Amino acid sequence: TTPMANDNIDIHLIERILHHDDTKAFEQLLMRHRSAVWNTALAITHDTDLAAEVLQETFIKLWKRLDTWRGENIKAWIIIIANHTAIDILENAFPEPTTQIAMFHTIFNVVSTLISSYCRMSAVPALR
């Protein structure tokens, strides 16, 4: 499947979710992107329990915030949500700042800026 075809599938699922509260479409969206979220969460947390929490919280946030999606690359947007969620969960799990978390914040800010720039350059048409 081409990236454009994947974008079209995601857009169709999002339209079903937003316009019809279609939970089956949300399950499909989750299934399409859960491995990317899991890999991101595990890379950040280095802990399967925390990664599982990140996975769950990311998709809860996605469900609640999907109406704020502005047509950018959905996978990149979901990964940004996962990154923020992982940082929050790490900070709650380890309240004392660590060098690793501080370093991750710096790296994340750079990567987030790059992803945002990419999303703007490759934005898919907004929902009608």
Protein backbone atom coordinates (compact mmCIF):
# COMPACT_ATOMS: atom_id res chain seq x y z
CA THR A 1 0.00 0.00 0.00
CA THR A 2 1.34 3.41 -0.94
CA PRO A 3 1.69 6.23 1.62
CA MET A 4 -1.10 8.16 -0.15
CA ALA A 5 -3.39 5.12 0.01
CA ASN A 6 -2.60 4.78 3.73
CA ASP A 7 -3.45 8.45 4.24
CA ASN A 8 -6.76 7.95 2.41
CA ILE A 9 -7.62 4.94 4.57
CA ASP A 10 -6.83 6.93 7.73
CA ILE A 11 -8.90 9.90 6.51
CA HIS A 12 -11.84 7.62 5.78
CA LEU A 13 -11.59 6.07 9.26
CA ILE A 14 -11.34 9.49 10.90
CA GLU A 15 -14.40 10.73 9.02
CA ARG A 16 -16.36 7.68 10.23
CA ILE A 17 -15.23 8.30 13.80
CA LEU A 18 -15.95 12.03 13.78
CA HIS A 19 -19.25 11.96 11.91
CA HIS A 20 -20.72 8.69 13.18
CA ASP A 21 -18.94 7.94 16.49
CA ASP A 22 -17.88 4.72 14.79
CA THR A 23 -16.00 2.69 17.40
CA LYS A 24 -15.16 -0.02 14.84
CA ALA A 25 -13.38 2.61 12.75
CA PHE A 26 -11.47 3.71 15.84
CA GLU A 27 -10.45 0.10 16.51
CA GLN A 28 -9.17 -0.10 12.93
CA LEU A 29 -7.22 3.15 13.35
CA LEU A 30 -5.76 1.79 16.59
CA MET A 31 -4.76 -1.47 14.92
CA ARG A 32 -3.11 0.42 12.04
CA HIS A 33 -0.93 2.54 14.35
CA ARG A 34 -0.50 0.61 17.60
CA SER A 35 2.84 -0.96 16.66
CA ALA A 36 4.34 2.46 15.90
CA VAL A 37 3.05 3.78 19.24
CA TRP A 38 4.30 0.69 21.06
CA ASN A 39 7.77 0.95 19.49
CA THR A 40 7.93 4.66 20.34
CA ALA A 41 6.75 4.07 23.91
CA LEU A 42 9.19 1.23 24.50
CA ALA A 43 12.10 3.20 23.02
CA ILE A 44 11.38 6.08 25.39
CA THR A 45 10.47 4.21 28.57
CA HIS A 46 12.62 1.05 28.24
CA ASP A 47 9.91 -0.66 30.30
CA THR A 48 7.09 -2.85 28.99
CA ASP A 49 4.67 -1.88 31.79
CA LEU A 50 5.22 1.83 31.22
CA ALA A 51 5.06 1.32 27.44
CA ALA A 52 1.70 -0.43 27.83
CA GLU A 53 0.47 2.54 29.87
CA VAL A 54 1.71 4.93 27.17
CA LEU A 55 -0.07 2.88 24.50
CA GLN A 56 -3.36 2.97 26.36
CA GLU A 57 -3.15 6.65 27.31
CA THR A 58 -2.13 7.66 23.78
CA PHE A 59 -5.24 6.13 22.24
CA ILE A 60 -7.49 7.52 24.97
CA LYS A 61 -6.09 10.98 24.19
CA LEU A 62 -6.51 10.34 20.47
CA TRP A 63 -10.20 9.44 20.96
CA LYS A 64 -10.79 12.58 23.04
CA ARG A 65 -8.82 14.92 20.76
CA LEU A 66 -9.49 13.56 17.30
CA ASP A 67 -11.75 16.51 16.52
CA THR A 68 -8.67 18.79 16.83
CA TRP A 69 -6.83 16.98 14.01
CA ARG A 70 -6.10 19.49 11.24
CA GLY A 71 -5.36 17.17 8.34
CA GLU A 72 -1.67 16.60 8.96
CA ASN A 73 -0.08 13.17 8.68
CA ILE A 74 -2.10 11.13 11.20
CA LYS A 75 0.70 8.70 12.02
CA ALA A 76 3.10 11.53 12.82
CA TRP A 77 0.40 13.24 14.90
CA ILE A 78 -0.25 10.04 16.88
CA ILE A 79 3.49 9.58 17.48
CA ILE A 80 3.74 13.14 18.81
CA ILE A 81 0.88 12.36 21.22
CA ALA A 82 2.72 9.16 22.23
CA ASN A 83 5.96 11.09 22.82
CA HIS A 84 4.24 13.64 25.06
CA THR A 85 2.40 10.86 26.90
CA ALA A 86 5.61 8.89 27.45
CA ILE A 87 7.36 11.94 28.87
CA ASP A 88 4.43 12.59 31.22
CA ILE A 89 4.36 8.97 32.38
CA LEU A 90 8.13 8.90 32.89
CA GLU A 91 8.00 12.11 34.89
CA ASN A 92 5.25 10.65 37.08
CA ALA A 93 7.11 7.36 37.50
CA PHE A 94 10.38 9.15 38.32
CA PRO A 95 9.52 12.51 39.92
CA GLU A 96 13.18 13.47 40.36
CA PRO A 97 14.50 14.73 37.03
CA THR A 98 17.13 12.46 35.58
CA THR A 99 19.77 13.21 33.02
CA GLN A 100 18.12 10.74 30.66
CA ILE A 101 14.75 12.50 30.86
CA ALA A 102 16.36 15.94 30.45
CA MET A 103 18.32 14.69 27.44
CA PHE A 104 15.18 13.12 25.99
CA HIS A 105 13.33 16.45 26.34
CA THR A 106 16.04 18.14 24.27
CA ILE A 107 16.05 15.44 21.61
CA PHE A 108 12.25 15.30 21.56
CA ASN A 109 11.97 19.06 20.98
CA VAL A 110 14.27 18.79 17.96
CA VAL A 111 12.47 15.72 16.56
CA SER A 112 9.06 17.25 17.23
CA THR A 113 10.04 20.34 15.27
CA LEU A 114 11.23 18.17 12.36
CA ILE A 115 8.03 16.09 12.40
CA SER A 116 5.87 19.22 12.51
CA SER A 117 7.75 20.64 9.54
CA TYR A 118 7.31 17.38 7.64
CA CYS A 119 3.59 17.31 8.47
CA ARG A 120 3.14 20.81 7.11
CA MET A 121 5.02 19.89 3.93
CA SER A 122 3.07 16.67 3.35
CA ALA A 123 -0.32 17.68 4.74
CA VAL A 124 -3.24 15.71 3.43
CA PRO A 125 -6.39 17.61 2.53
CA ALA A 126 -8.40 18.67 5.55
CA LEU A 127 -11.73 17.02 6.26
CA ARG A 128 -14.64 18.65 4.55
